[in-house]
Protein backbone atom coordinates (compact mmCIF):
# COMPACT_ATOMS: atom_id res chain seq x y z
CA MET A 1 0.00 0.00 0.00
CA VAL A 2 1.35 3.37 -0.97
CA LEU A 3 1.00 6.09 1.58
CA THR A 4 0.34 9.57 0.28
CA LYS A 5 1.07 12.71 2.24
CA LYS A 6 -1.98 14.78 2.69
CA ARG A 7 -1.70 18.45 1.82
CA ARG A 8 -2.74 20.73 4.58
CA ILE A 9 -5.32 23.27 3.57
CA PRO A 10 -4.85 26.61 5.35
CA VAL A 11 -7.65 27.41 7.68
CA ALA A 12 -8.93 30.96 7.56
CA ARG A 13 -8.32 32.83 10.77
CA PRO A 14 -10.74 35.74 11.19
CA TRP A 15 -8.50 37.52 13.70
CA LEU A 16 -5.57 37.47 11.25
CA ALA A 17 -7.65 38.90 8.44
CA GLY A 18 -8.90 41.57 10.78
CA LEU A 19 -5.34 42.43 11.80
CA VAL A 20 -4.23 42.80 8.17
CA LEU A 21 -7.27 44.93 7.36
CA SER A 22 -6.63 47.11 10.38
CA SER A 23 -3.00 47.60 9.35
CA VAL A 24 -4.05 48.64 5.86
CA LEU A 25 -6.58 51.08 7.25
CA VAL A 26 -3.95 52.57 9.55
CA VAL A 27 -1.63 53.11 6.58
CA PHE A 28 -4.37 54.78 4.54
CA ALA A 29 -5.43 56.89 7.50
CA SER A 30 -1.89 58.11 8.08
CA GLN A 31 -1.55 58.97 4.40
CA ALA A 32 -4.86 60.83 4.42
CA GLN A 33 -3.88 62.73 7.56
CA GLY A 34 -0.63 63.95 5.99
CA LEU A 35 2.00 66.09 7.63
CA GLU A 36 1.34 68.47 10.45
CA PRO A 37 0.88 72.07 9.24
CA GLU A 38 4.35 73.26 10.26
CA HIS A 39 6.02 70.42 8.32
CA GLU A 40 3.67 70.79 5.34
CA ILE A 41 4.47 74.50 5.14
CA ARG A 42 8.17 73.70 5.14
CA ARG A 43 7.70 71.02 2.46
CA LEU A 44 5.76 73.41 0.20
CA MET A 45 8.36 76.12 0.77
CA LEU A 46 11.12 73.78 -0.39
CA ALA A 47 9.06 72.81 -3.41
CA THR A 48 8.43 76.50 -4.19
CA GLU A 49 12.12 77.34 -3.91
CA ASP A 50 13.02 74.50 -6.24
CA ALA A 51 10.36 75.52 -8.78
CA VAL A 52 11.47 79.17 -8.77
CA SER A 53 15.12 78.15 -9.16
CA GLY A 54 14.16 76.05 -12.14
CA GLY A 55 12.00 78.77 -13.70
CA ARG A 56 8.86 76.63 -13.40
CA TRP A 57 6.57 79.52 -12.55
CA GLY A 58 3.29 77.69 -13.02
CA GLU A 59 4.40 75.04 -10.56
CA ALA A 60 5.67 77.68 -8.14
CA GLY A 61 2.31 79.48 -8.33
CA GLU A 62 0.49 76.27 -7.45
CA TYR A 63 2.62 75.74 -4.34
CA LEU A 64 2.24 79.37 -3.31
CA ASN A 65 -1.54 79.18 -3.65
CA ARG A 66 -1.59 76.13 -1.40
CA LEU A 67 0.60 77.93 1.11
CA GLN A 68 -1.67 80.96 1.08
CA ALA A 69 -4.69 78.79 1.91
CA MET A 70 -2.94 77.19 4.90
CA GLU A 71 -3.31 78.37 8.45
CA GLY A 72 -0.28 79.04 10.57
CA ASP A 73 2.70 81.36 10.34
CA LYS A 74 4.62 81.28 7.09
CA PRO A 75 8.34 82.04 6.83
CA ALA A 76 9.38 85.41 5.47
CA GLU A 77 10.74 83.74 2.32
CA TYR A 78 7.13 82.95 1.36
CA PHE A 79 6.59 86.65 0.63
CA TYR A 80 9.81 86.87 -1.39
CA TYR A 81 8.85 83.96 -3.63
CA ARG A 82 5.28 85.25 -3.92
CA GLY A 83 6.67 88.59 -5.01
CA ARG A 84 8.84 86.88 -7.63
CA ALA A 85 5.87 84.89 -8.95
CA MET A 86 3.58 87.94 -9.05
CA LEU A 87 6.26 89.89 -10.90
CA GLN A 88 6.64 87.09 -13.43
CA ALA A 89 2.86 87.24 -13.99
CA ARG A 90 3.11 91.04 -14.41
CA HIS A 91 0.97 91.78 -11.36
CA LEU A 92 3.28 94.61 -10.36
CA ASN A 93 1.38 96.01 -7.40
CA GLU A 94 0.88 92.62 -5.75
CA ALA A 95 4.54 91.84 -6.39
CA ARG A 96 5.61 95.04 -4.67
CA SER A 97 3.34 94.38 -1.68
CA ALA A 98 4.77 90.90 -1.18
CA LEU A 99 8.38 92.04 -1.53
CA GLU A 100 7.83 94.89 0.91
CA SER A 101 6.34 92.41 3.38
CA TYR A 102 9.47 90.29 3.05
CA VAL A 103 11.79 93.27 3.63
CA SER A 104 9.83 94.45 6.68
CA ARG A 105 10.06 90.98 8.22
CA VAL A 106 13.74 90.17 7.66
CA GLY A 107 15.43 93.56 7.63
CA ALA A 108 18.91 94.06 6.20
CA ASP A 109 20.06 90.61 7.33
CA GLY A 110 17.65 88.73 5.06
CA GLN A 111 19.11 86.47 2.41
CA HIS A 112 17.10 88.14 -0.37
CA TYR A 113 17.10 91.65 1.13
CA GLN A 114 19.14 93.43 -1.54
CA GLN A 115 17.48 91.59 -4.41
CA SER A 116 14.06 92.50 -3.03
CA LEU A 117 14.99 96.19 -2.81
CA LYS A 118 16.22 96.09 -6.40
CA LEU A 119 12.99 94.48 -7.59
CA ILE A 120 10.89 97.03 -5.71
CA THR A 121 12.83 99.83 -7.41
CA ASP A 122 12.32 98.20 -10.81
CA ILE A 123 8.58 97.92 -10.16
CA GLU A 124 8.41 101.57 -9.10
CA LYS A 125 10.18 102.68 -12.28
CA GLU A 126 7.87 100.58 -14.44
CA ASN A 127 4.75 101.92 -12.70
CA LYS A 128 5.94 105.50 -13.18
CA ALA A 129 6.67 104.88 -16.85
CA SER A 130 3.24 103.32 -17.34
CA ALA A 131 1.48 106.18 -15.57
CA ARG A 132 3.43 108.74 -17.61
CA ALA A 133 2.51 106.98 -20.84
CA LEU A 134 -1.14 106.91 -19.82
CA ILE A 135 -1.16 110.63 -19.07
CA GLU A 136 0.49 111.43 -22.41
CA GLY A 137 -2.06 109.28 -24.19
CA GLY A 138 0.54 106.85 -25.44
CA ALA A 139 0.19 103.40 -23.86
CA SER A 140 -2.26 101.87 -21.46
CA VAL A 141 -1.28 100.76 -17.99
CA LYS A 142 0.07 97.23 -18.06
CA GLU A 143 -1.20 96.21 -14.64
CA PRO A 144 -4.79 94.89 -14.71
CA VAL A 145 -6.25 97.15 -12.02
CA ALA A 146 -9.63 98.71 -11.51
CA VAL A 147 -10.35 101.99 -13.27
CA ILE A 148 -13.07 104.15 -11.75
CA GLU A 149 -15.38 106.31 -13.81
CA PRO A 150 -16.33 109.68 -12.30
CA ALA A 151 -19.62 109.97 -10.49
CA GLY A 152 -22.61 111.46 -12.30
CA ARG A 153 -24.16 114.85 -11.78
CA GLU A 154 -27.08 113.43 -9.82
CA ASP A 155 -24.64 111.94 -7.29
CA THR A 156 -23.09 115.32 -6.53
CA LYS A 157 -26.53 116.86 -6.12
CA ALA A 158 -27.37 114.20 -3.56
CA LEU A 159 -24.09 114.86 -1.74
CA ARG A 160 -24.77 118.60 -1.60
CA SER A 161 -28.13 117.86 -0.03
CA LEU A 162 -26.67 115.33 2.40
CA TYR A 163 -23.86 117.57 3.67
CA LEU A 164 -25.73 120.89 3.25
CA ALA A 165 -22.83 122.02 1.05
CA LYS A 166 -22.99 125.11 -1.14
CA THR A 167 -21.00 123.63 -4.05
CA ASP A 168 -20.24 120.24 -5.61
CA ARG A 169 -16.56 120.76 -4.74
CA GLU A 170 -17.32 121.27 -1.06
CA ALA A 171 -19.65 118.26 -0.98
CA LEU A 172 -17.10 116.00 -2.70
CA THR A 173 -14.34 117.08 -0.29
CA ILE A 174 -16.49 116.38 2.77
CA HIS A 175 -17.59 113.03 1.36
CA LEU A 176 -14.02 112.03 0.47
CA ASN A 177 -12.82 112.76 4.01
CA ALA A 178 -15.73 110.84 5.49
CA LEU A 179 -14.85 107.81 3.36
CA LEU A 180 -11.15 108.06 4.23
CA ASP A 181 -11.99 108.31 7.93
CA ALA A 182 -14.22 105.21 7.76
CA ASN A 183 -11.66 103.15 5.85
CA GLY A 184 -8.41 103.86 7.64
CA TRP A 185 -5.91 101.01 7.74
CA ARG A 186 -5.53 99.05 10.99
CA LYS A 187 -2.98 96.46 12.03
CA ASP A 188 -5.54 94.57 14.09
CA LYS A 189 -8.29 93.51 11.69
CA ALA A 190 -10.10 91.35 14.25
CA VAL A 191 -11.44 94.10 16.49
CA VAL A 192 -12.32 97.58 15.22
CA ARG A 193 -13.12 99.99 18.03
CA LEU A 194 -14.90 103.16 17.01
CA ASP A 195 -13.24 105.05 19.87
CA ARG A 196 -9.76 104.15 18.61
CA PRO A 197 -8.44 105.86 15.46
CA ALA A 198 -6.93 103.85 12.63
CA ASP A 199 -3.18 103.24 12.47
CA ILE A 200 -3.03 105.05 9.12
CA GLU A 201 -5.55 107.70 8.15
CA TYR A 202 -5.79 110.69 5.81
CA ARG A 203 -7.28 114.15 5.58
CA VAL A 204 -7.72 116.10 2.33
CA THR A 205 -8.01 119.89 2.03
CA LEU A 206 -8.11 122.16 -1.02
CA ASP A 207 -5.90 125.07 -1.96
CA GLY A 208 -7.05 126.34 -5.32
CA SER A 209 -6.33 123.57 -7.83
CA VAL A 210 -4.13 121.68 -5.39
CA LEU A 211 -5.10 118.78 -3.14
CA ASN A 212 -3.26 118.86 0.20
CA ILE A 213 -3.13 115.33 1.63
CA GLN A 214 -2.20 114.84 5.27
CA GLU A 215 -1.15 111.30 6.26
CA ILE A 216 -1.34 110.40 9.95
CA ARG A 217 0.50 107.29 11.15
CA ARG A 218 0.17 106.03 14.71
CA GLY A 219 2.84 103.82 16.23
CA ALA A 220 3.68 102.20 19.51
CA GLY A 221 3.12 104.24 22.65
CA ASP A 222 0.56 106.49 20.97
CA THR A 223 3.28 108.17 18.89
CA THR A 224 1.95 110.05 15.87
CA VAL A 225 3.75 111.03 12.67
CA ARG A 226 2.08 113.50 10.33
CA LYS A 227 3.18 114.06 6.74
CA THR A 228 1.63 116.41 4.20
CA SER A 229 1.96 116.20 0.43
CA SER A 230 0.42 118.23 -2.39
CA LEU A 231 -1.17 117.08 -5.63
CA SER A 232 -1.77 119.59 -8.41
CA VAL A 233 -4.65 118.34 -10.55
CA TYR A 234 -3.62 119.89 -13.87
CA GLY A 235 -2.24 117.40 -16.37
CA VAL A 236 -3.16 114.29 -14.35
CA ASN A 237 -5.56 111.49 -15.20
CA PRO A 238 -8.82 112.02 -13.24
CA GLN A 239 -9.41 108.26 -13.02
CA PRO A 240 -7.35 107.00 -10.05
CA ARG A 241 -6.29 103.36 -10.12
CA TRP A 242 -6.60 101.07 -7.14
CA ASP A 243 -6.17 97.46 -6.11
CA CYS A 244 -6.09 95.25 -3.02
CA GLU A 245 -3.56 92.72 -1.74
CA THR A 246 -4.90 89.89 0.41
CA VAL A 247 -1.49 88.86 1.71
CA VAL A 248 -0.97 92.11 3.61
CA ALA A 249 -4.71 92.84 4.05
CA ALA A 250 -4.61 96.32 2.53
CA CYS A 251 -5.87 98.26 -0.47
CA TRP A 252 -4.11 101.11 -2.25
CA ILE A 253 -5.16 104.04 -4.38
CA TYR A 254 -2.36 105.15 -6.68
CA ASP A 255 -1.07 108.63 -7.42
CA PRO A 256 -2.28 109.60 -10.93
CA ARG A 257 1.02 111.42 -11.56
CA ASP A 258 3.53 108.59 -11.23
CA GLY A 259 1.71 105.43 -10.12
CA SER A 260 3.13 105.49 -6.58
CA ARG A 261 0.93 104.71 -3.58
CA LEU A 262 -1.21 107.61 -2.46
CA PHE A 263 -3.60 106.07 0.09
CA GLN A 264 -3.25 102.83 2.09
CA LEU A 265 -6.72 101.75 3.18
CA ALA A 266 -8.60 98.92 4.86
CA PRO A 267 -9.17 95.80 2.69
CA ASN A 268 -12.71 96.59 1.59
CA GLN A 269 -12.94 96.66 -2.19
CA SER A 270 -16.38 98.26 -2.47
CA GLN A 271 -15.40 101.06 -0.09
CA VAL A 272 -12.05 101.65 -1.79
CA ASN A 273 -13.92 101.76 -5.10
CA GLU A 274 -16.07 104.57 -3.72
CA VAL A 275 -13.06 106.45 -2.35
CA ALA A 276 -11.36 106.30 -5.76
CA GLN A 277 -14.57 107.33 -7.51
CA THR A 278 -15.05 110.35 -5.25
CA LEU A 279 -11.40 111.36 -5.55
CA GLY A 280 -11.64 111.16 -9.34
CA GLN A 281 -14.76 113.31 -9.40
CA LEU A 282 -13.09 115.89 -7.17
CA ILE A 283 -10.02 116.02 -9.43
CA ARG A 284 -12.23 116.46 -12.49
CA ASN A 285 -14.16 119.23 -10.74
CA LEU A 286 -10.94 121.07 -9.90
CA GLN A 287 -9.67 120.66 -13.44
CA GLN A 288 -12.74 122.43 -14.74
CA GLY A 289 -11.87 125.50 -12.68
CA GLY A 290 -14.38 128.04 -11.45
CA ALA A 291 -16.03 127.97 -8.05
CA GLY A 292 -16.88 124.28 -8.28
CA SER A 293 -20.64 124.76 -8.37
């Protein structure tokens, strides 16, 4: 008789299958959870640096967008690389805002300090050239920013009634100052106390065909710095440009003479729109001369 060796058939063990399944789920769960925010920010920063070094601007923009959406403090270099990417995309004002944020954070010891200053100067020159070309009727402004049309006659009539003003010019000046007062820039965006003035605010007065603009900056220890500049309206474009930058939570209205920053305001686009509209109407009124009726 020939003896044959029986083949053992594995017996399913429910506990073993459960252990394997649990291990797989743990792996998937850990992958889904990903890195902690501080490590993920660092990973994306390294990826951004590599993309910028390689001139892969689309890839760099993708990483920067993901960084912007993340909570938590970002390193100062984030603003430098954002500025580089915005400049590459020809968003000059956003590029300048980001680069200035980098400089203010790192000071003269920053790795990209000198390069950032150079880029800011280049942007300033390009903005001035664009504004000059626009005034001369040559070329349009390259930066895609909002352009405000002047308010209509009916609006100025309503303002005269509202402020009991004798002329359109007086009504527009009062209204402009009211808007500037309500939209001053504040460092602390979380709590706005009506009994505390903004950190940066402005006051506009008229002297013939000249706008006198007083800037008031408040610092630590209730220190106050006041600076006054003048803007002659003749030969300037009466349609002020403006834009907003989410990274630094601020909006700017630009000087119609050279494209530099004229007003730094709270990040409220509809309100900044109205400030620019009112300023443009006031400039147009002054350009027409007369008593401003």
